[in-house]
Amino acid sequence: MKAIFLSEYEANIARVYAPETLDKLCGMTGAEPTPYKKADIIVNPQKFRNVRFIFSTWGMPAFTREEIREYLPNVKAVFY
């Protein structure tokens, strides 16, 4: 998976990203339209190792540098 939507509050993604925008971003990046939480990444880190792009908004979880290196080592950009 090259991209994810990330927020502790799923409703925030729907408020900020219109359905057409979600569809377009998912088509361009292979992202799933369902937002992930920090706990999802920690529980299943292998699933997220190849993520390059994060789309988020209010409620984006904080990650330490060490957590980024461990769980999201290939992230190139965060769109907030």
PDB file of N, CA and C in Angstrom:
ATOM      1  N   MET A   1       0.853  -1.160   0.000  1.00  0.00           N
ATOM      2  CA  MET A   1       0.000   0.000   0.000  1.00  0.00           C
ATOM      3  C   MET A   1       0.905   1.230   0.000  1.00  0.00           C
ATOM      4  N   LYS A   2       0.650   2.130  -0.933  1.00  0.00           N
ATOM      5  CA  LYS A   2       1.493   3.325  -1.081  1.00  0.00           C
ATOM      6  C   LYS A   2       1.007   4.519  -0.279  1.00  0.00           C
ATOM      7  N   ALA A   3      -0.293   4.547   0.070  1.00  0.00           N
ATOM      8  CA  ALA A   3      -0.836   5.713   0.761  1.00  0.00           C
ATOM      9  C   ALA A   3      -1.947   5.288   1.712  1.00  0.00           C
ATOM     10  N   ILE A   4      -2.115   6.094   2.768  1.00  0.00           N
ATOM     11  CA  ILE A   4      -3.189   5.835   3.725  1.00  0.00           C
ATOM     12  C   ILE A   4      -3.830   7.154   4.154  1.00  0.00           C
ATOM     13  N   PHE A   5      -5.047   7.035   4.640  1.00  0.00           N
ATOM     14  CA  PHE A   5      -5.716   8.127   5.336  1.00  0.00           C
ATOM     15  C   PHE A   5      -5.537   7.833   6.811  1.00  0.00           C
ATOM     16  N   LEU A   6      -5.106   8.823   7.574  1.00  0.00           N
ATOM     17  CA  LEU A   6      -4.746   8.612   8.973  1.00  0.00           C
ATOM     18  C   LEU A   6      -5.418   9.650   9.860  1.00  0.00           C
ATOM     19  N   SER A   7      -6.233   9.182  10.802  1.00  0.00           N
ATOM     20  CA  SER A   7      -6.868  10.065  11.765  1.00  0.00           C
ATOM     21  C   SER A   7      -7.425   9.228  12.904  1.00  0.00           C
ATOM     22  N   GLU A   8      -7.353   9.742  14.093  1.00  0.00           N
ATOM     23  CA  GLU A   8      -7.948   9.058  15.239  1.00  0.00           C
ATOM     24  C   GLU A   8      -9.468   9.177  15.204  1.00  0.00           C
ATOM     25  N   TYR A   9      -9.982  10.074  14.374  1.00  0.00           N
ATOM     26  CA  TYR A   9     -11.430  10.309  14.280  1.00  0.00           C
ATOM     27  C   TYR A   9     -11.864  10.138  12.825  1.00  0.00           C
ATOM     28  N   GLU A  10     -12.416   8.990  12.508  1.00  0.00           N
ATOM     29  CA  GLU A  10     -12.783   8.646  11.135  1.00  0.00           C
ATOM     30  C   GLU A  10     -13.674   9.712  10.489  1.00  0.00           C
ATOM     31  N   ALA A  11     -14.585  10.283  11.257  1.00  0.00           N
ATOM     32  CA  ALA A  11     -15.506  11.277  10.708  1.00  0.00           C
ATOM     33  C   ALA A  11     -14.782  12.513  10.175  1.00  0.00           C
ATOM     34  N   ASN A  12     -13.620  12.827  10.719  1.00  0.00           N
ATOM     35  CA  ASN A  12     -12.891  14.004  10.251  1.00  0.00           C
ATOM     36  C   ASN A  12     -12.430  13.851   8.803  1.00  0.00           C
ATOM     37  N   ILE A  13     -12.062  12.651   8.428  1.00  0.00           N
ATOM     38  CA  ILE A  13     -11.644  12.416   7.042  1.00  0.00           C
ATOM     39  C   ILE A  13     -12.818  12.704   6.112  1.00  0.00           C
ATOM     40  N   ALA A  14     -13.994  12.209   6.458  1.00  0.00           N
ATOM     41  CA  ALA A  14     -15.184  12.427   5.631  1.00  0.00           C
ATOM     42  C   ALA A  14     -15.576  13.898   5.572  1.00  0.00           C
ATOM     43  N   ARG A  15     -15.306  14.646   6.640  1.00  0.00           N
ATOM     44  CA  ARG A  15     -15.627  16.078   6.651  1.00  0.00           C
ATOM     45  C   ARG A  15     -14.698  16.888   5.750  1.00  0.00           C
ATOM     46  N   VAL A  16     -13.467  16.463   5.655  1.00  0.00           N
ATOM     47  CA  VAL A  16     -12.464  17.243   4.931  1.00  0.00           C
ATOM     48  C   VAL A  16     -12.316  16.802   3.473  1.00  0.00           C
ATOM     49  N   TYR A  17     -12.393  15.510   3.225  1.00  0.00           N
ATOM     50  CA  TYR A  17     -12.206  14.974   1.876  1.00  0.00           C
ATOM     51  C   TYR A  17     -13.565  14.601   1.290  1.00  0.00           C
ATOM     52  N   ALA A  18     -13.987  15.324   0.271  1.00  0.00           N
ATOM     53  CA  ALA A  18     -15.250  15.025  -0.413  1.00  0.00           C
ATOM     54  C   ALA A  18     -15.165  13.630  -1.037  1.00  0.00           C
ATOM     55  N   PRO A  19     -16.303  12.956  -1.213  1.00  0.00           N
ATOM     56  CA  PRO A  19     -16.276  11.607  -1.808  1.00  0.00           C
ATOM     57  C   PRO A  19     -15.521  11.553  -3.140  1.00  0.00           C
ATOM     58  N   GLU A  20     -15.684  12.582  -3.966  1.00  0.00           N
ATOM     59  CA  GLU A  20     -14.981  12.598  -5.256  1.00  0.00           C
ATOM     60  C   GLU A  20     -13.469  12.695  -5.059  1.00  0.00           C
ATOM     61  N   THR A  21     -13.063  13.460  -4.063  1.00  0.00           N
ATOM     62  CA  THR A  21     -11.638  13.597  -3.762  1.00  0.00           C
ATOM     63  C   THR A  21     -11.074  12.292  -3.230  1.00  0.00           C
ATOM     64  N   LEU A  22     -11.808  11.646  -2.320  1.00  0.00           N
ATOM     65  CA  LEU A  22     -11.382  10.333  -1.811  1.00  0.00           C
ATOM     66  C   LEU A  22     -11.213   9.349  -2.951  1.00  0.00           C
ATOM     67  N   ASP A  23     -12.199   9.288  -3.841  1.00  0.00           N
ATOM     68  CA  ASP A  23     -12.132   8.364  -4.977  1.00  0.00           C
ATOM     69  C   ASP A  23     -10.915   8.642  -5.851  1.00  0.00           C
ATOM     70  N   LYS A  24     -10.671   9.916  -6.122  1.00  0.00           N
ATOM     71  CA  LYS A  24      -9.540  10.279  -6.980  1.00  0.00           C
ATOM     72  C   LYS A  24      -8.210   9.920  -6.318  1.00  0.00           C
ATOM     73  N   LEU A  25      -8.065  10.266  -5.032  1.00  0.00           N
ATOM     74  CA  LEU A  25      -6.820   9.944  -4.327  1.00  0.00           C
ATOM     75  C   LEU A  25      -6.607   8.439  -4.224  1.00  0.00           C
ATOM     76  N   CYS A  26      -7.662   7.706  -3.949  1.00  0.00           N
ATOM     77  CA  CYS A  26      -7.549   6.246  -3.874  1.00  0.00           C
ATOM     78  C   CYS A  26      -7.142   5.662  -5.222  1.00  0.00           C
ATOM     79  N   GLY A  27      -7.730   6.168  -6.297  1.00  0.00           N
ATOM     80  CA  GLY A  27      -7.379   5.693  -7.633  1.00  0.00           C
ATOM     81  C   GLY A  27      -5.940   6.001  -8.010  1.00  0.00           C
ATOM     82  N   MET A  28      -5.464   7.161  -7.595  1.00  0.00           N
ATOM     83  CA  MET A  28      -4.098   7.570  -7.938  1.00  0.00           C
ATOM     84  C   MET A  28      -3.038   6.868  -7.096  1.00  0.00           C
ATOM     85  N   THR A  29      -3.378   6.550  -5.842  1.00  0.00           N
ATOM     86  CA  THR A  29      -2.351   6.063  -4.920  1.00  0.00           C
ATOM     87  C   THR A  29      -2.542   4.621  -4.465  1.00  0.00           C
ATOM     88  N   GLY A  30      -3.713   4.061  -4.716  1.00  0.00           N
ATOM     89  CA  GLY A  30      -3.986   2.715  -4.219  1.00  0.00           C
ATOM     90  C   GLY A  30      -4.419   2.695  -2.768  1.00  0.00           C
ATOM     91  N   ALA A  31      -4.684   3.871  -2.193  1.00  0.00           N
ATOM     92  CA  ALA A  31      -5.119   3.946  -0.794  1.00  0.00           C
ATOM     93  C   ALA A  31      -6.503   3.330  -0.637  1.00  0.00           C
ATOM     94  N   GLU A  32      -6.766   2.815   0.544  1.00  0.00           N
ATOM     95  CA  GLU A  32      -8.101   2.365   0.899  1.00  0.00           C
ATOM     96  C   GLU A  32      -8.831   3.573   1.471  1.00  0.00           C
ATOM     97  N   PRO A  33     -10.133   3.725   1.216  1.00  0.00           N
ATOM     98  CA  PRO A  33     -10.838   4.917   1.703  1.00  0.00           C
ATOM     99  C   PRO A  33     -11.068   4.936   3.211  1.00  0.00           C
ATOM    100  N   THR A  34     -10.879   3.815   3.879  1.00  0.00           N
ATOM    101  CA  THR A  34     -11.087   3.755   5.322  1.00  0.00           C
ATOM    102  C   THR A  34      -9.885   4.341   6.055  1.00  0.00           C
ATOM    103  N   PRO A  35     -10.107   5.286   6.959  1.00  0.00           N
ATOM    104  CA  PRO A  35      -8.985   5.854   7.720  1.00  0.00           C
ATOM    105  C   PRO A  35      -8.414   4.859   8.726  1.00  0.00           C
ATOM    106  N   TYR A  36      -7.125   4.957   8.937  1.00  0.00           N
ATOM    107  CA  TYR A  36      -6.448   4.147   9.938  1.00  0.00           C
ATOM    108  C   TYR A  36      -6.125   4.999  11.152  1.00  0.00           C
ATOM    109  N   LYS A  37      -5.981   4.347  12.289  1.00  0.00           N
ATOM    110  CA  LYS A  37      -5.569   4.992  13.528  1.00  0.00           C
ATOM    111  C   LYS A  37      -4.150   4.539  13.859  1.00  0.00           C
ATOM    112  N   LYS A  38      -3.514   5.234  14.779  1.00  0.00           N
ATOM    113  CA  LYS A  38      -2.162   4.861  15.197  1.00  0.00           C
ATOM    114  C   LYS A  38      -2.128   3.424  15.706  1.00  0.00           C
ATOM    115  N   ALA A  39      -3.136   3.015  16.450  1.00  0.00           N
ATOM    116  CA  ALA A  39      -3.180   1.647  16.978  1.00  0.00           C
ATOM    117  C   ALA A  39      -3.169   0.613  15.859  1.00  0.00           C
ATOM    118  N   ASP A  40      -3.809   0.907  14.728  1.00  0.00           N
ATOM    119  CA  ASP A  40      -3.808  -0.018  13.590  1.00  0.00           C
ATOM    120  C   ASP A  40      -2.394  -0.239  13.074  1.00  0.00           C
ATOM    121  N   ILE A  41      -1.618   0.823  13.057  1.00  0.00           N
ATOM    122  CA  ILE A  41      -0.246   0.740  12.557  1.00  0.00           C
ATOM    123  C   ILE A  41       0.637  -0.025  13.534  1.00  0.00           C
ATOM    124  N   ILE A  42       0.471   0.229  14.804  1.00  0.00           N
ATOM    125  CA  ILE A  42       1.292  -0.440  15.816  1.00  0.00           C
ATOM    126  C   ILE A  42       0.987  -1.931  15.892  1.00  0.00           C
ATOM    127  N   VAL A  43      -0.275  -2.297  15.745  1.00  0.00           N
ATOM    128  CA  VAL A  43      -0.677  -3.705  15.829  1.00  0.00           C
ATOM    129  C   VAL A  43      -0.215  -4.501  14.605  1.00  0.00           C
ATOM    130  N   ASN A  44      -0.165  -3.862  13.444  1.00  0.00           N
ATOM    131  CA  ASN A  44       0.181  -4.568  12.212  1.00  0.00           C
ATOM    132  C   ASN A  44       1.209  -3.754  11.408  1.00  0.00           C
ATOM    133  N   PRO A  45       2.407  -3.585  11.940  1.00  0.00           N
ATOM    134  CA  PRO A  45       3.389  -2.700  11.301  1.00  0.00           C
ATOM    135  C   PRO A  45       3.806  -3.131   9.896  1.00  0.00           C
ATOM    136  N   GLN A  46       3.829  -4.407   9.618  1.00  0.00           N
ATOM    137  CA  GLN A  46       4.255  -4.879   8.290  1.00  0.00           C
ATOM    138  C   GLN A  46       3.349  -4.348   7.191  1.00  0.00           C
ATOM    139  N   LYS A  47       2.077  -4.192   7.490  1.00  0.00           N
ATOM    140  CA  LYS A  47       1.110  -3.700   6.499  1.00  0.00           C
ATOM    141  C   LYS A  47       1.429  -2.275   6.054  1.00  0.00           C
ATOM    142  N   PHE A  48       2.118  -1.507   6.898  1.00  0.00           N
ATOM    143  CA  PHE A  48       2.328  -0.085   6.644  1.00  0.00           C
ATOM    144  C   PHE A  48       3.767   0.276   6.285  1.00  0.00           C
ATOM    145  N   ARG A  49       4.645  -0.685   6.191  1.00  0.00           N
ATOM    146  CA  ARG A  49       6.069  -0.404   5.955  1.00  0.00           C
ATOM    147  C   ARG A  49       6.336   0.285   4.618  1.00  0.00           C
ATOM    148  N   ASN A  50       5.494   0.046   3.622  1.00  0.00           N
ATOM    149  CA  ASN A  50       5.723   0.633   2.298  1.00  0.00           C
ATOM    150  C   ASN A  50       4.921   1.903   2.039  1.00  0.00           C
ATOM    151  N   VAL A  51       4.216   2.398   3.040  1.00  0.00           N
ATOM    152  CA  VAL A  51       3.433   3.622   2.875  1.00  0.00           C
ATOM    153  C   VAL A  51       4.370   4.784   2.565  1.00  0.00           C
ATOM    154  N   ARG A  52       4.045   5.512   1.506  1.00  0.00           N
ATOM    155  CA  ARG A  52       4.853   6.663   1.107  1.00  0.00           C
ATOM    156  C   ARG A  52       4.140   7.983   1.350  1.00  0.00           C
ATOM    157  N   PHE A  53       2.803   7.949   1.327  1.00  0.00           N
ATOM    158  CA  PHE A  53       2.030   9.183   1.461  1.00  0.00           C
ATOM    159  C   PHE A  53       0.944   9.007   2.514  1.00  0.00           C
ATOM    160  N   ILE A  54       0.796  10.008   3.367  1.00  0.00           N
ATOM    161  CA  ILE A  54      -0.244  10.023   4.387  1.00  0.00           C
ATOM    162  C   ILE A  54      -1.136  11.223   4.132  1.00  0.00           C
ATOM    163  N   PHE A  55      -2.442  10.980   4.096  1.00  0.00           N
ATOM    164  CA  PHE A  55      -3.435  12.040   3.984  1.00  0.00           C
ATOM    165  C   PHE A  55      -4.147  12.111   5.324  1.00  0.00           C
ATOM    166  N   SER A  56      -4.224  13.292   5.895  1.00  0.00           N
ATOM    167  CA  SER A  56      -4.822  13.416   7.219  1.00  0.00           C
ATOM    168  C   SER A  56      -5.498  14.770   7.369  1.00  0.00           C
ATOM    169  N   THR A  57      -5.912  15.060   8.593  1.00  0.00           N
ATOM    170  CA  THR A  57      -6.545  16.311   8.962  1.00  0.00           C
ATOM    171  C   THR A  57      -6.574  16.385  10.477  1.00  0.00           C
ATOM    172  N   TRP A  58      -7.479  17.172  11.046  1.00  0.00           N
ATOM    173  CA  TRP A  58      -7.585  17.251  12.498  1.00  0.00           C
ATOM    174  C   TRP A  58      -7.708  15.846  13.070  1.00  0.00           C
ATOM    175  N   GLY A  59      -7.039  15.616  14.166  1.00  0.00           N
ATOM    176  CA  GLY A  59      -7.075  14.304  14.795  1.00  0.00           C
ATOM    177  C   GLY A  59      -5.971  13.372  14.324  1.00  0.00           C
ATOM    178  N   MET A  60      -5.018  13.917  13.584  1.00  0.00           N
ATOM    179  CA  MET A  60      -3.895  13.084  13.149  1.00  0.00           C
ATOM    180  C   MET A  60      -3.061  12.706  14.371  1.00  0.00           C
ATOM    181  N   PRO A  61      -2.775  11.421  14.548  1.00  0.00           N
ATOM    182  CA  PRO A  61      -1.988  11.014  15.711  1.00  0.00           C
ATOM    183  C   PRO A  61      -0.534  11.456  15.586  1.00  0.00           C
ATOM    184  N   ALA A  62       0.067  11.696  16.719  1.00  0.00           N
ATOM    185  CA  ALA A  62       1.481  12.079  16.752  1.00  0.00           C
ATOM    186  C   ALA A  62       2.348  10.819  16.790  1.00  0.00           C
ATOM    187  N   PHE A  63       3.464  10.878  16.097  1.00  0.00           N
ATOM    188  CA  PHE A  63       4.452   9.808  16.096  1.00  0.00           C
ATOM    189  C   PHE A  63       5.805  10.415  16.462  1.00  0.00           C
ATOM    190  N   THR A  64       6.564   9.719  17.290  1.00  0.00           N
ATOM    191  CA  THR A  64       7.925  10.160  17.564  1.00  0.00           C
ATOM    192  C   THR A  64       8.801   9.813  16.362  1.00  0.00           C
ATOM    193  N   ARG A  65       9.986  10.385  16.314  1.00  0.00           N
ATOM    194  CA  ARG A  65      10.916  10.034  15.230  1.00  0.00           C
ATOM    195  C   ARG A  65      11.208   8.532  15.224  1.00  0.00           C
ATOM    196  N   GLU A  66      11.353   7.979  16.418  1.00  0.00           N
ATOM    197  CA  GLU A  66      11.641   6.551  16.525  1.00  0.00           C
ATOM    198  C   GLU A  66      10.475   5.719  15.986  1.00  0.00           C
ATOM    199  N   GLU A  67       9.256   6.149  16.280  1.00  0.00           N
ATOM    200  CA  GLU A  67       8.084   5.418  15.773  1.00  0.00           C
ATOM    201  C   GLU A  67       7.983   5.524  14.254  1.00  0.00           C
ATOM    202  N   ILE A  68       8.294   6.686  13.722  1.00  0.00           N
ATOM    203  CA  ILE A  68       8.275   6.836  12.264  1.00  0.00           C
ATOM    204  C   ILE A  68       9.292   5.905  11.633  1.00  0.00           C
ATOM    205  N   ARG A  69      10.491   5.872  12.176  1.00  0.00           N
ATOM    206  CA  ARG A  69      11.527   4.972  11.641  1.00  0.00           C
ATOM    207  C   ARG A  69      11.101   3.511  11.719  1.00  0.00           C
ATOM    208  N   GLU A  70      10.413   3.163  12.803  1.00  0.00           N
ATOM    209  CA  GLU A  70      10.002   1.776  12.998  1.00  0.00           C
ATOM    210  C   GLU A  70       8.774   1.398  12.178  1.00  0.00           C
ATOM    211  N   TYR A  71       7.746   2.236  12.199  1.00  0.00           N
ATOM    212  CA  TYR A  71       6.457   1.858  11.608  1.00  0.00           C
ATOM    213  C   TYR A  71       6.213   2.416  10.211  1.00  0.00           C
ATOM    214  N   LEU A  72       6.788   3.565   9.901  1.00  0.00           N
ATOM    215  CA  LEU A  72       6.530   4.228   8.622  1.00  0.00           C
ATOM    216  C   LEU A  72       7.837   4.698   7.975  1.00  0.00           C
ATOM    217  N   PRO A  73       8.776   3.796   7.786  1.00  0.00           N
ATOM    218  CA  PRO A  73      10.115   4.200   7.339  1.00  0.00           C
ATOM    219  C   PRO A  73      10.195   4.758   5.928  1.00  0.00           C
ATOM    220  N   ASN A  74       9.177   4.522   5.099  1.00  0.00           N
ATOM    221  CA  ASN A  74       9.230   4.959   3.713  1.00  0.00           C
ATOM    222  C   ASN A  74       8.367   6.184   3.404  1.00  0.00           C
ATOM    223  N   VAL A  75       7.809   6.829   4.429  1.00  0.00           N
ATOM    224  CA  VAL A  75       6.960   7.995   4.189  1.00  0.00           C
ATOM    225  C   VAL A  75       7.786   9.121   3.586  1.00  0.00           C
ATOM    226  N   LYS A  76       7.260   9.663   2.499  1.00  0.00           N
ATOM    227  CA  LYS A  76       7.922  10.765   1.795  1.00  0.00           C
ATOM    228  C   LYS A  76       7.188  12.085   2.007  1.00  0.00           C
ATOM    229  N   ALA A  77       5.841  12.020   2.226  1.00  0.00           N
ATOM    230  CA  ALA A  77       5.059  13.257   2.364  1.00  0.00           C
ATOM    231  C   ALA A  77       3.809  13.006   3.195  1.00  0.00           C
ATOM    232  N   VAL A  78       3.457  14.034   3.962  1.00  0.00           N
ATOM    233  CA  VAL A  78       2.213  14.034   4.717  1.00  0.00           C
ATOM    234  C   VAL A  78       1.384  15.207   4.220  1.00  0.00           C
ATOM    235  N   PHE A  79       0.164  14.931   3.809  1.00  0.00           N
ATOM    236  CA  PHE A  79      -0.755  15.969   3.335  1.00  0.00           C
ATOM    237  C   PHE A  79      -1.785  16.183   4.436  1.00  0.00           C
ATOM    238  N   TYR A  80      -1.714  17.345   5.042  1.00  0.00           N
ATOM    239  CA  TYR A  80      -2.559  17.653   6.196  1.00  0.00           C
ATOM    240  C   TYR A  80      -3.431  18.846   5.892  1.00  0.00           C
TER     241      TYR A  80
END
